[in-house]
Amino acid sequence: MRPPHRLAATVAAIAVVLTACGGGGDPDDGPTATPTAAPTSSPTSEATTGTGSNPGSSITTDPGEDIRSEVEVRVGEIISEYEGIETGEGTQLSVDADVLFAFDQATLLPEAEARLDDIVEVLEFYDGAPVEIVGHTDSDGAAEYNQRLSERRAQAVATYLTDAGVDASRFTVEGRGESDPVAPNDSDANKQRNRRVEILVVGVAPPDAD
Protein backbone atom coordinates (compact mmCIF):
# COMPACT_ATOMS: atom_id res chain seq x y z
CA MET A 1 0.00 0.00 0.00
CA ARG A 2 1.23 3.49 -1.06
CA PRO A 3 1.90 6.03 1.62
CA PRO A 4 -0.81 8.69 1.95
CA HIS A 5 1.41 11.52 0.73
CA ARG A 6 2.31 9.68 -2.46
CA LEU A 7 -1.39 8.87 -3.13
CA ALA A 8 -2.33 12.53 -2.78
CA ALA A 9 0.43 13.53 -5.19
CA THR A 10 -0.78 10.98 -7.72
CA VAL A 11 -4.40 12.24 -7.50
CA ALA A 12 -3.20 15.84 -7.98
CA ALA A 13 -1.20 14.84 -11.06
CA ILE A 14 -4.22 13.09 -12.60
CA ALA A 15 -6.34 16.18 -11.96
CA VAL A 16 -3.83 18.37 -13.79
CA VAL A 17 -3.84 16.03 -16.80
CA LEU A 18 -7.64 15.96 -16.94
CA THR A 19 -7.83 19.73 -16.73
CA ALA A 20 -5.33 20.13 -19.56
CA CYS A 21 -7.39 17.79 -21.75
CA GLY A 22 -10.62 19.73 -21.16
CA GLY A 23 -12.13 17.02 -19.10
CA GLY A 24 -12.92 19.19 -16.14
CA GLY A 25 -16.30 20.37 -17.44
CA ASP A 26 -19.52 18.86 -18.67
CA PRO A 27 -18.62 16.21 -21.26
CA ASP A 28 -21.42 17.58 -23.51
CA ASP A 29 -19.90 21.04 -23.58
CA GLY A 30 -17.52 21.85 -26.40
CA PRO A 31 -14.29 23.68 -25.88
CA THR A 32 -14.73 27.26 -24.84
CA ALA A 33 -13.80 29.65 -27.64
CA THR A 34 -11.22 32.21 -26.79
CA PRO A 35 -12.69 35.70 -27.48
CA THR A 36 -10.77 37.74 -29.98
CA ALA A 37 -10.65 41.50 -30.07
CA ALA A 38 -12.58 43.17 -32.88
CA PRO A 39 -10.26 44.64 -35.49
CA THR A 40 -9.88 48.37 -35.14
CA SER A 41 -10.78 50.51 -38.10
CA SER A 42 -7.85 52.11 -39.77
CA PRO A 43 -8.07 55.83 -40.51
CA THR A 44 -9.66 56.61 -43.85
CA SER A 45 -6.93 57.06 -46.38
CA GLU A 46 -6.39 60.36 -48.08
CA ALA A 47 -6.87 58.64 -51.43
CA THR A 48 -10.44 57.82 -50.40
CA THR A 49 -11.39 61.17 -48.96
CA GLY A 50 -9.55 63.27 -51.49
CA THR A 51 -8.24 65.56 -48.76
CA GLY A 52 -4.58 64.76 -49.13
CA SER A 53 -1.98 66.82 -50.85
CA ASN A 54 -1.59 64.32 -53.68
CA PRO A 55 -3.43 65.84 -56.66
CA GLY A 56 -4.20 62.39 -57.99
CA SER A 57 -5.83 61.19 -54.78
CA SER A 58 -9.39 62.14 -55.74
CA ILE A 59 -11.63 62.87 -58.70
CA THR A 60 -13.66 66.05 -58.66
CA THR A 61 -16.24 67.47 -61.02
CA ASP A 62 -17.29 71.03 -61.62
CA PRO A 63 -20.80 71.38 -60.10
CA GLY A 64 -21.34 74.46 -62.24
CA GLU A 65 -21.78 72.26 -65.31
CA ASP A 66 -24.71 70.39 -63.79
CA ILE A 67 -26.27 73.59 -62.48
CA ARG A 68 -26.06 75.29 -65.84
CA SER A 69 -27.59 72.26 -67.50
CA GLU A 70 -30.56 72.24 -65.08
CA VAL A 71 -31.15 75.96 -65.60
CA GLU A 72 -31.09 75.55 -69.35
CA VAL A 73 -33.61 72.73 -69.18
CA ARG A 74 -35.89 74.79 -66.92
CA VAL A 75 -35.73 77.83 -69.23
CA GLY A 76 -36.42 75.65 -72.24
CA GLU A 77 -39.50 74.22 -70.51
CA ILE A 78 -40.83 77.68 -69.68
CA ILE A 79 -40.36 78.88 -73.24
CA SER A 80 -42.22 75.82 -74.52
CA GLU A 81 -45.04 76.33 -71.99
CA TYR A 82 -45.58 79.90 -73.15
CA GLU A 83 -45.74 79.03 -76.85
CA GLY A 84 -42.18 80.18 -77.35
CA ILE A 85 -40.92 80.47 -80.87
CA GLU A 86 -37.63 81.51 -82.38
CA THR A 87 -38.02 84.42 -84.76
CA GLY A 88 -35.55 86.35 -86.85
CA GLU A 89 -35.32 88.84 -83.99
CA GLY A 90 -34.98 86.48 -81.02
CA THR A 91 -37.09 84.26 -78.78
CA GLN A 92 -40.73 85.22 -78.32
CA LEU A 93 -43.10 84.07 -75.57
CA SER A 94 -46.83 84.69 -75.40
CA VAL A 95 -48.86 84.98 -72.20
CA ASP A 96 -52.66 84.71 -72.37
CA ALA A 97 -54.05 88.07 -71.26
CA ASP A 98 -57.03 86.34 -69.64
CA VAL A 99 -54.75 84.77 -67.01
CA LEU A 100 -53.13 88.15 -66.34
CA PHE A 101 -56.09 90.55 -66.33
CA ALA A 102 -59.80 90.64 -65.67
CA PHE A 103 -62.06 91.52 -68.59
CA ASP A 104 -61.45 95.04 -69.88
CA GLN A 105 -58.88 95.71 -67.12
CA ALA A 106 -55.14 96.46 -67.01
CA THR A 107 -54.54 95.59 -63.35
CA LEU A 108 -52.73 92.29 -62.85
CA LEU A 109 -54.70 89.50 -61.19
CA PRO A 110 -53.18 87.81 -58.10
CA GLU A 111 -52.66 84.60 -60.06
CA ALA A 112 -50.65 86.49 -62.68
CA GLU A 113 -47.67 86.56 -60.33
CA ALA A 114 -46.74 82.92 -60.88
CA ARG A 115 -46.92 83.38 -64.66
CA LEU A 116 -44.74 86.44 -64.68
CA ASP A 117 -42.26 84.88 -62.25
CA ASP A 118 -41.68 82.27 -64.95
CA ILE A 119 -40.89 85.07 -67.38
CA VAL A 120 -38.46 86.56 -64.85
CA GLU A 121 -36.52 83.27 -64.87
CA VAL A 122 -36.15 83.46 -68.64
CA LEU A 123 -35.06 87.11 -68.59
CA GLU A 124 -32.51 86.41 -65.86
CA PHE A 125 -31.11 83.54 -67.93
CA TYR A 126 -30.64 85.93 -70.86
CA ASP A 127 -29.25 88.62 -68.60
CA GLY A 128 -28.64 91.87 -70.47
CA ALA A 129 -30.58 90.98 -73.62
CA PRO A 130 -33.06 93.66 -74.78
CA VAL A 131 -36.73 92.81 -74.21
CA GLU A 132 -39.79 93.97 -76.15
CA ILE A 133 -43.14 93.75 -74.34
CA VAL A 134 -46.16 94.07 -76.61
CA GLY A 135 -49.85 94.07 -75.63
CA HIS A 136 -52.62 92.82 -77.94
CA THR A 137 -56.44 92.74 -77.80
CA ASP A 138 -59.26 91.22 -79.78
CA SER A 139 -61.42 93.32 -82.08
CA ASP A 140 -64.39 93.81 -79.73
CA GLY A 141 -64.97 97.50 -79.01
CA ALA A 142 -63.48 100.59 -80.60
CA ALA A 143 -60.03 100.25 -82.12
CA GLU A 144 -58.77 103.36 -80.32
CA TYR A 145 -59.93 102.03 -76.94
CA ASN A 146 -58.31 98.66 -77.62
CA GLN A 147 -55.06 100.39 -78.50
CA ARG A 148 -54.93 102.18 -75.16
CA LEU A 149 -55.90 99.01 -73.29
CA SER A 150 -53.08 97.04 -74.94
CA GLU A 151 -50.57 99.73 -74.00
CA ARG A 152 -51.67 99.77 -70.37
CA ARG A 153 -51.49 95.99 -70.14
CA ALA A 154 -48.01 95.87 -71.61
CA GLN A 155 -46.88 98.53 -69.16
CA ALA A 156 -48.38 96.61 -66.22
CA VAL A 157 -46.33 93.57 -67.19
CA ALA A 158 -43.16 95.65 -67.57
CA THR A 159 -43.71 97.23 -64.15
CA TYR A 160 -44.08 93.83 -62.49
CA LEU A 161 -40.92 92.50 -64.14
CA THR A 162 -39.01 95.60 -63.06
CA ASP A 163 -40.24 95.24 -59.48
CA ALA A 164 -39.07 91.61 -59.62
CA GLY A 165 -35.52 92.77 -60.31
CA VAL A 166 -35.22 92.92 -64.09
CA ASP A 167 -33.42 96.07 -65.27
CA ALA A 168 -36.05 98.43 -66.71
CA SER A 169 -33.53 99.79 -69.20
CA ARG A 170 -33.81 96.51 -71.09
CA PHE A 171 -37.50 97.06 -71.89
CA THR A 172 -39.28 98.48 -74.88
CA VAL A 173 -43.03 98.63 -74.19
CA GLU A 174 -45.80 99.08 -76.74
CA GLY A 175 -49.40 98.19 -77.49
CA ARG A 176 -50.76 97.12 -80.86
CA GLY A 177 -54.42 96.90 -79.96
CA GLU A 178 -56.34 94.70 -82.38
CA SER A 179 -54.02 95.36 -85.32
CA ASP A 180 -51.89 92.19 -85.08
CA PRO A 181 -54.15 89.17 -84.46
CA VAL A 182 -52.89 85.58 -84.52
CA ALA A 183 -56.36 84.25 -85.42
CA PRO A 184 -59.57 85.59 -87.00
CA ASN A 185 -61.80 87.34 -84.45
CA ASP A 186 -64.73 85.11 -85.41
CA SER A 187 -65.13 83.00 -82.26
CA ASP A 188 -64.65 83.26 -78.52
CA ALA A 189 -61.72 80.84 -78.68
CA ASN A 190 -59.96 82.85 -81.36
CA LYS A 191 -60.62 86.13 -79.60
CA GLN A 192 -59.02 84.68 -76.48
CA ARG A 193 -55.92 83.79 -78.49
CA ASN A 194 -55.69 87.36 -79.71
CA ARG A 195 -55.85 88.78 -76.18
CA ARG A 196 -52.22 88.32 -75.17
CA VAL A 197 -48.99 89.91 -74.07
CA GLU A 198 -45.89 88.92 -76.02
CA ILE A 199 -42.37 89.08 -74.62
CA LEU A 200 -39.57 89.08 -77.19
CA VAL A 201 -36.04 88.49 -75.89
CA VAL A 202 -34.00 90.07 -78.64
CA GLY A 203 -31.04 88.32 -80.24
CA VAL A 204 -31.20 84.98 -78.41
CA ALA A 205 -32.22 81.43 -79.27
CA PRO A 206 -34.12 79.11 -76.90
CA PRO A 207 -32.03 76.42 -75.19
CA ASP A 208 -32.72 72.76 -75.71
CA ALA A 209 -35.27 71.61 -73.09
CA ASP A 210 -34.28 67.92 -73.40
C-alpha atoms as a PDB file:
ATOM      1  CA  MET A   1       0.000   0.000   0.000  1.00  0.00           C
ATOM      2  CA  ARG A   2       1.229   3.491  -1.055  1.00  0.00           C
ATOM      3  CA  PRO A   3       1.896   6.030   1.622  1.00  0.00           C
ATOM      4  CA  PRO A   4      -0.806   8.693   1.955  1.00  0.00           C
ATOM      5  CA  HIS A   5       1.413  11.519   0.731  1.00  0.00           C
ATOM      6  CA  ARG A   6       2.307   9.676  -2.463  1.00  0.00           C
ATOM      7  CA  LEU A   7      -1.387   8.868  -3.130  1.00  0.00           C
ATOM      8  CA  ALA A   8      -2.330  12.530  -2.778  1.00  0.00           C
ATOM      9  CA  ALA A   9       0.431  13.527  -5.186  1.00  0.00           C
ATOM     10  CA  THR A  10      -0.779  10.975  -7.721  1.00  0.00           C
ATOM     11  CA  VAL A  11      -4.396  12.238  -7.501  1.00  0.00           C
ATOM     12  CA  ALA A  12      -3.200  15.839  -7.977  1.00  0.00           C
ATOM     13  CA  ALA A  13      -1.200  14.844 -11.058  1.00  0.00           C
ATOM     14  CA  ILE A  14      -4.216  13.090 -12.598  1.00  0.00           C
ATOM     15  CA  ALA A  15      -6.344  16.185 -11.959  1.00  0.00           C
ATOM     16  CA  VAL A  16      -3.834  18.372 -13.788  1.00  0.00           C
ATOM     17  CA  VAL A  17      -3.837  16.035 -16.798  1.00  0.00           C
ATOM     18  CA  LEU A  18      -7.642  15.959 -16.942  1.00  0.00           C
ATOM     19  CA  THR A  19      -7.829  19.725 -16.726  1.00  0.00           C
ATOM     20  CA  ALA A  20      -5.328  20.134 -19.564  1.00  0.00           C
ATOM     21  CA  CYS A  21      -7.388  17.793 -21.749  1.00  0.00           C
ATOM     22  CA  GLY A  22     -10.619  19.734 -21.164  1.00  0.00           C
ATOM     23  CA  GLY A  23     -12.128  17.018 -19.101  1.00  0.00           C
ATOM     24  CA  GLY A  24     -12.922  19.185 -16.138  1.00  0.00           C
ATOM     25  CA  GLY A  25     -16.303  20.372 -17.443  1.00  0.00           C
ATOM     26  CA  ASP A  26     -19.517  18.857 -18.673  1.00  0.00           C
ATOM     27  CA  PRO A  27     -18.618  16.215 -21.265  1.00  0.00           C
ATOM     28  CA  ASP A  28     -21.424  17.581 -23.514  1.00  0.00           C
ATOM     29  CA  ASP A  29     -19.901  21.041 -23.579  1.00  0.00           C
ATOM     30  CA  GLY A  30     -17.516  21.847 -26.399  1.00  0.00           C
ATOM     31  CA  PRO A  31     -14.292  23.683 -25.878  1.00  0.00           C
ATOM     32  CA  THR A  32     -14.733  27.258 -24.838  1.00  0.00           C
ATOM     33  CA  ALA A  33     -13.798  29.655 -27.640  1.00  0.00           C
ATOM     34  CA  THR A  34     -11.223  32.206 -26.786  1.00  0.00           C
ATOM     35  CA  PRO A  35     -12.693  35.698 -27.479  1.00  0.00           C
ATOM     36  CA  THR A  36     -10.772  37.735 -29.976  1.00  0.00           C
ATOM     37  CA  ALA A  37     -10.653  41.503 -30.073  1.00  0.00           C
ATOM     38  CA  ALA A  38     -12.576  43.169 -32.884  1.00  0.00           C
ATOM     39  CA  PRO A  39     -10.263  44.640 -35.487  1.00  0.00           C
ATOM     40  CA  THR A  40      -9.882  48.366 -35.137  1.00  0.00           C
ATOM     41  CA  SER A  41     -10.777  50.514 -38.097  1.00  0.00           C
ATOM     42  CA  SER A  42      -7.846  52.111 -39.767  1.00  0.00           C
ATOM     43  CA  PRO A  43      -8.065  55.834 -40.511  1.00  0.00           C
ATOM     44  CA  THR A  44      -9.657  56.612 -43.847  1.00  0.00           C
ATOM     45  CA  SER A  45      -6.933  57.062 -46.377  1.00  0.00           C
ATOM     46  CA  GLU A  46      -6.385  60.355 -48.082  1.00  0.00           C
ATOM     47  CA  ALA A  47      -6.871  58.641 -51.428  1.00  0.00           C
ATOM     48  CA  THR A  48     -10.444  57.819 -50.397  1.00  0.00           C
ATOM     49  CA  THR A  49     -11.388  61.173 -48.964  1.00  0.00           C
ATOM     50  CA  GLY A  50      -9.552  63.265 -51.491  1.00  0.00           C
ATOM     51  CA  THR A  51      -8.240  65.558 -48.755  1.00  0.00           C
ATOM     52  CA  GLY A  52      -4.584  64.759 -49.132  1.00  0.00           C
ATOM     53  CA  SER A  53      -1.981  66.818 -50.855  1.00  0.00           C
ATOM     54  CA  ASN A  54      -1.591  64.323 -53.676  1.00  0.00           C
ATOM     55  CA  PRO A  55      -3.430  65.844 -56.664  1.00  0.00           C
ATOM     56  CA  GLY A  56      -4.203  62.395 -57.995  1.00  0.00           C
ATOM     57  CA  SER A  57      -5.831  61.189 -54.779  1.00  0.00           C
ATOM     58  CA  SER A  58      -9.393  62.140 -55.735  1.00  0.00           C
ATOM     59  CA  ILE A  59     -11.630  62.869 -58.697  1.00  0.00           C
ATOM     60  CA  THR A  60     -13.655  66.051 -58.659  1.00  0.00           C
ATOM     61  CA  THR A  61     -16.235  67.472 -61.020  1.00  0.00           C
ATOM     62  CA  ASP A  62     -17.294  71.027 -61.624  1.00  0.00           C
ATOM     63  CA  PRO A  63     -20.803  71.378 -60.102  1.00  0.00           C
ATOM     64  CA  GLY A  64     -21.339  74.462 -62.242  1.00  0.00           C
ATOM     65  CA  GLU A  65     -21.781  72.260 -65.315  1.00  0.00           C
ATOM     66  CA  ASP A  66     -24.713  70.391 -63.790  1.00  0.00           C
ATOM     67  CA  ILE A  67     -26.272  73.591 -62.477  1.00  0.00           C
ATOM     68  CA  ARG A  68     -26.057  75.287 -65.836  1.00  0.00           C
ATOM     69  CA  SER A  69     -27.590  72.257 -67.495  1.00  0.00           C
ATOM     70  CA  GLU A  70     -30.556  72.238 -65.078  1.00  0.00           C
ATOM     71  CA  VAL A  71     -31.148  75.959 -65.597  1.00  0.00           C
ATOM     72  CA  GLU A  72     -31.093  75.555 -69.355  1.00  0.00           C
ATOM     73  CA  VAL A  73     -33.614  72.728 -69.180  1.00  0.00           C
ATOM     74  CA  ARG A  74     -35.887  74.794 -66.922  1.00  0.00           C
ATOM     75  CA  VAL A  75     -35.732  77.833 -69.226  1.00  0.00           C
ATOM     76  CA  GLY A  76     -36.425  75.648 -72.241  1.00  0.00           C
ATOM     77  CA  GLU A  77     -39.498  74.217 -70.508  1.00  0.00           C
ATOM     78  CA  ILE A  78     -40.828  77.683 -69.680  1.00  0.00           C
ATOM     79  CA  ILE A  79     -40.358  78.878 -73.244  1.00  0.00           C
ATOM     80  CA  SER A  80     -42.224  75.825 -74.518  1.00  0.00           C
ATOM     81  CA  GLU A  81     -45.044  76.325 -71.985  1.00  0.00           C
ATOM     82  CA  TYR A  82     -45.581  79.897 -73.155  1.00  0.00           C
ATOM     83  CA  GLU A  83     -45.742  79.025 -76.852  1.00  0.00           C
ATOM     84  CA  GLY A  84     -42.180  80.177 -77.349  1.00  0.00           C
ATOM     85  CA  ILE A  85     -40.924  80.471 -80.875  1.00  0.00           C
ATOM     86  CA  GLU A  86     -37.626  81.505 -82.379  1.00  0.00           C
ATOM     87  CA  THR A  87     -38.021  84.417 -84.760  1.00  0.00           C
ATOM     88  CA  GLY A  88     -35.552  86.347 -86.847  1.00  0.00           C
ATOM     89  CA  GLU A  89     -35.325  88.838 -83.989  1.00  0.00           C
ATOM     90  CA  GLY A  90     -34.978  86.477 -81.025  1.00  0.00           C
ATOM     91  CA  THR A  91     -37.088  84.258 -78.776  1.00  0.00           C
ATOM     92  CA  GLN A  92     -40.725  85.221 -78.325  1.00  0.00           C
ATOM     93  CA  LEU A  93     -43.097  84.072 -75.569  1.00  0.00           C
ATOM     94  CA  SER A  94     -46.831  84.695 -75.397  1.00  0.00           C
ATOM     95  CA  VAL A  95     -48.862  84.983 -72.198  1.00  0.00           C
ATOM     96  CA  ASP A  96     -52.658  84.710 -72.372  1.00  0.00           C
ATOM     97  CA  ALA A  97     -54.053  88.069 -71.256  1.00  0.00           C
ATOM     98  CA  ASP A  98     -57.025  86.339 -69.645  1.00  0.00           C
ATOM     99  CA  VAL A  99     -54.747  84.770 -67.008  1.00  0.00           C
ATOM    100  CA  LEU A 100     -53.132  88.146 -66.337  1.00  0.00           C
ATOM    101  CA  PHE A 101     -56.086  90.552 -66.332  1.00  0.00           C
ATOM    102  CA  ALA A 102     -59.799  90.639 -65.671  1.00  0.00           C
ATOM    103  CA  PHE A 103     -62.060  91.519 -68.592  1.00  0.00           C
ATOM    104  CA  ASP A 104     -61.446  95.039 -69.875  1.00  0.00           C
ATOM    105  CA  GLN A 105     -58.880  95.713 -67.116  1.00  0.00           C
ATOM    106  CA  ALA A 106     -55.140  96.464 -67.013  1.00  0.00           C
ATOM    107  CA  THR A 107     -54.543  95.591 -63.351  1.00  0.00           C
ATOM    108  CA  LEU A 108     -52.734  92.288 -62.848  1.00  0.00           C
ATOM    109  CA  LEU A 109     -54.702  89.500 -61.194  1.00  0.00           C
ATOM    110  CA  PRO A 110     -53.183  87.809 -58.105  1.00  0.00           C
ATOM    111  CA  GLU A 111     -52.661  84.596 -60.061  1.00  0.00           C
ATOM    112  CA  ALA A 112     -50.651  86.493 -62.679  1.00  0.00           C
ATOM    113  CA  GLU A 113     -47.670  86.564 -60.327  1.00  0.00           C
ATOM    114  CA  ALA A 114     -46.743  82.917 -60.884  1.00  0.00           C
ATOM    115  CA  ARG A 115     -46.917  83.376 -64.657  1.00  0.00           C
ATOM    116  CA  LEU A 116     -44.739  86.444 -64.679  1.00  0.00           C
ATOM    117  CA  ASP A 117     -42.262  84.883 -62.250  1.00  0.00           C
ATOM    118  CA  ASP A 118     -41.683  82.268 -64.949  1.00  0.00           C
ATOM    119  CA  ILE A 119     -40.891  85.074 -67.378  1.00  0.00           C
ATOM    120  CA  VAL A 120     -38.464  86.558 -64.854  1.00  0.00           C
ATOM    121  CA  GLU A 121     -36.516  83.267 -64.869  1.00  0.00           C
ATOM    122  CA  VAL A 122     -36.151  83.463 -68.639  1.00  0.00           C
ATOM    123  CA  LEU A 123     -35.056  87.106 -68.589  1.00  0.00           C
ATOM    124  CA  GLU A 124     -32.507  86.410 -65.861  1.00  0.00           C
ATOM    125  CA  PHE A 125     -31.112  83.541 -67.934  1.00  0.00           C
ATOM    126  CA  TYR A 126     -30.645  85.935 -70.861  1.00  0.00           C
ATOM    127  CA  ASP A 127     -29.247  88.620 -68.601  1.00  0.00           C
ATOM    128  CA  GLY A 128     -28.640  91.875 -70.473  1.00  0.00           C
ATOM    129  CA  ALA A 129     -30.578  90.977 -73.623  1.00  0.00           C
ATOM    130  CA  PRO A 130     -33.059  93.656 -74.778  1.00  0.00           C
ATOM    131  CA  VAL A 131     -36.731  92.807 -74.212  1.00  0.00           C
ATOM    132  CA  GLU A 132     -39.790  93.966 -76.150  1.00  0.00           C
ATOM    133  CA  ILE A 133     -43.140  93.752 -74.342  1.00  0.00           C
ATOM    134  CA  VAL A 134     -46.159  94.070 -76.611  1.00  0.00           C
ATOM    135  CA  GLY A 135     -49.851  94.070 -75.632  1.00  0.00           C
ATOM    136  CA  HIS A 136     -52.616  92.825 -77.944  1.00  0.00           C
ATOM    137  CA  THR A 137     -56.437  92.739 -77.797  1.00  0.00           C
ATOM    138  CA  ASP A 138     -59.260  91.217 -79.783  1.00  0.00           C
ATOM    139  CA  SER A 139     -61.423  93.322 -82.080  1.00  0.00           C
ATOM    140  CA  ASP A 140     -64.387  93.814 -79.735  1.00  0.00           C
ATOM    141  CA  GLY A 141     -64.972  97.505 -79.014  1.00  0.00           C
ATOM    142  CA  ALA A 142     -63.485 100.592 -80.595  1.00  0.00           C
ATOM    143  CA  ALA A 143     -60.029 100.252 -82.115  1.00  0.00           C
ATOM    144  CA  GLU A 144     -58.768 103.356 -80.316  1.00  0.00           C
ATOM    145  CA  TYR A 145     -59.933 102.031 -76.943  1.00  0.00           C
ATOM    146  CA  ASN A 146     -58.307  98.661 -77.624  1.00  0.00           C
ATOM    147  CA  GLN A 147     -55.060 100.386 -78.499  1.00  0.00           C
ATOM    148  CA  ARG A 148     -54.925 102.175 -75.159  1.00  0.00           C
ATOM    149  CA  LEU A 149     -55.896  99.010 -73.286  1.00  0.00           C
ATOM    150  CA  SER A 150     -53.082  97.035 -74.941  1.00  0.00           C
ATOM    151  CA  GLU A 151     -50.571  99.730 -73.999  1.00  0.00           C
ATOM    152  CA  ARG A 152     -51.674  99.767 -70.369  1.00  0.00           C
ATOM    153  CA  ARG A 153     -51.492  95.993 -70.135  1.00  0.00           C
ATOM    154  CA  ALA A 154     -48.010  95.871 -71.615  1.00  0.00           C
ATOM    155  CA  GLN A 155     -46.878  98.530 -69.157  1.00  0.00           C
ATOM    156  CA  ALA A 156     -48.376  96.614 -66.221  1.00  0.00           C
ATOM    157  CA  VAL A 157     -46.329  93.570 -67.188  1.00  0.00           C
ATOM    158  CA  ALA A 158     -43.161  95.652 -67.571  1.00  0.00           C
ATOM    159  CA  THR A 159     -43.711  97.228 -64.150  1.00  0.00           C
ATOM    160  CA  TYR A 160     -44.077  93.827 -62.490  1.00  0.00           C
ATOM    161  CA  LEU A 161     -40.916  92.500 -64.140  1.00  0.00           C
ATOM    162  CA  THR A 162     -39.011  95.604 -63.064  1.00  0.00           C
ATOM    163  CA  ASP A 163     -40.235  95.245 -59.480  1.00  0.00           C
ATOM    164  CA  ALA A 164     -39.065  91.610 -59.616  1.00  0.00           C
ATOM    165  CA  GLY A 165     -35.525  92.770 -60.307  1.00  0.00           C
ATOM    166  CA  VAL A 166     -35.216  92.919 -64.092  1.00  0.00           C
ATOM    167  CA  ASP A 167     -33.422  96.066 -65.265  1.00  0.00           C
ATOM    168  CA  ALA A 168     -36.052  98.429 -66.709  1.00  0.00           C
ATOM    169  CA  SER A 169     -33.527  99.794 -69.198  1.00  0.00           C
ATOM    170  CA  ARG A 170     -33.815  96.513 -71.091  1.00  0.00           C
ATOM    171  CA  PHE A 171     -37.499  97.064 -71.890  1.00  0.00           C
ATOM    172  CA  THR A 172     -39.281  98.482 -74.882  1.00  0.00           C
ATOM    173  CA  VAL A 173     -43.030  98.626 -74.189  1.00  0.00           C
ATOM    174  CA  GLU A 174     -45.803  99.081 -76.739  1.00  0.00           C
ATOM    175  CA  GLY A 175     -49.396  98.195 -77.493  1.00  0.00           C
ATOM    176  CA  ARG A 176     -50.755  97.118 -80.861  1.00  0.00           C
ATOM    177  CA  GLY A 177     -54.415  96.896 -79.959  1.00  0.00           C
ATOM    178  CA  GLU A 178     -56.344  94.702 -82.384  1.00  0.00           C
ATOM    179  CA  SER A 179     -54.019  95.358 -85.325  1.00  0.00           C
ATOM    180  CA  ASP A 180     -51.892  92.187 -85.077  1.00  0.00           C
ATOM    181  CA  PRO A 181     -54.152  89.170 -84.460  1.00  0.00           C
ATOM    182  CA  VAL A 182     -52.892  85.584 -84.522  1.00  0.00           C
ATOM    183  CA  ALA A 183     -56.362  84.252 -85.424  1.00  0.00           C
ATOM    184  CA  PRO A 184     -59.566  85.592 -86.996  1.00  0.00           C
ATOM    185  CA  ASN A 185     -61.801  87.342 -84.453  1.00  0.00           C
ATOM    186  CA  ASP A 186     -64.727  85.112 -85.414  1.00  0.00           C
ATOM    187  CA  SER A 187     -65.128  82.995 -82.259  1.00  0.00           C
ATOM    188  CA  ASP A 188     -64.651  83.265 -78.520  1.00  0.00           C
ATOM    189  CA  ALA A 189     -61.721  80.845 -78.684  1.00  0.00           C
ATOM    190  CA  ASN A 190     -59.959  82.846 -81.362  1.00  0.00           C
ATOM    191  CA  LYS A 191     -60.615  86.133 -79.595  1.00  0.00           C
ATOM    192  CA  GLN A 192     -59.018  84.675 -76.485  1.00  0.00           C
ATOM    193  CA  ARG A 193     -55.918  83.790 -78.491  1.00  0.00           C
ATOM    194  CA  ASN A 194     -55.686  87.362 -79.712  1.00  0.00           C
ATOM    195  CA  ARG A 195     -55.849  88.776 -76.181  1.00  0.00           C
ATOM    196  CA  ARG A 196     -52.222  88.319 -75.166  1.00  0.00           C
ATOM    197  CA  VAL A 197     -48.988  89.906 -74.069  1.00  0.00           C
ATOM    198  CA  GLU A 198     -45.890  88.919 -76.023  1.00  0.00           C
ATOM    199  CA  ILE A 199     -42.368  89.081 -74.624  1.00  0.00           C
ATOM    200  CA  LEU A 200     -39.569  89.083 -77.187  1.00  0.00           C
ATOM    201  CA  VAL A 201     -36.038  88.487 -75.890  1.00  0.00           C
ATOM    202  CA  VAL A 202     -33.998  90.067 -78.637  1.00  0.00           C
ATOM    203  CA  GLY A 203     -31.042  88.323 -80.235  1.00  0.00           C
ATOM    204  CA  VAL A 204     -31.200  84.981 -78.409  1.00  0.00           C
ATOM    205  CA  ALA A 205     -32.222  81.426 -79.272  1.00  0.00           C
ATOM    206  CA  PRO A 206     -34.122  79.111 -76.900  1.00  0.00           C
ATOM    207  CA  PRO A 207     -32.031  76.418 -75.189  1.00  0.00           C
ATOM    208  CA  ASP A 208     -32.717  72.756 -75.706  1.00  0.00           C
ATOM    209  CA  ALA A 209     -35.271  71.611 -73.093  1.00  0.00           C
ATOM    210  CA  ASP A 210     -34.277  67.916 -73.398  1.00  0.00           C
END
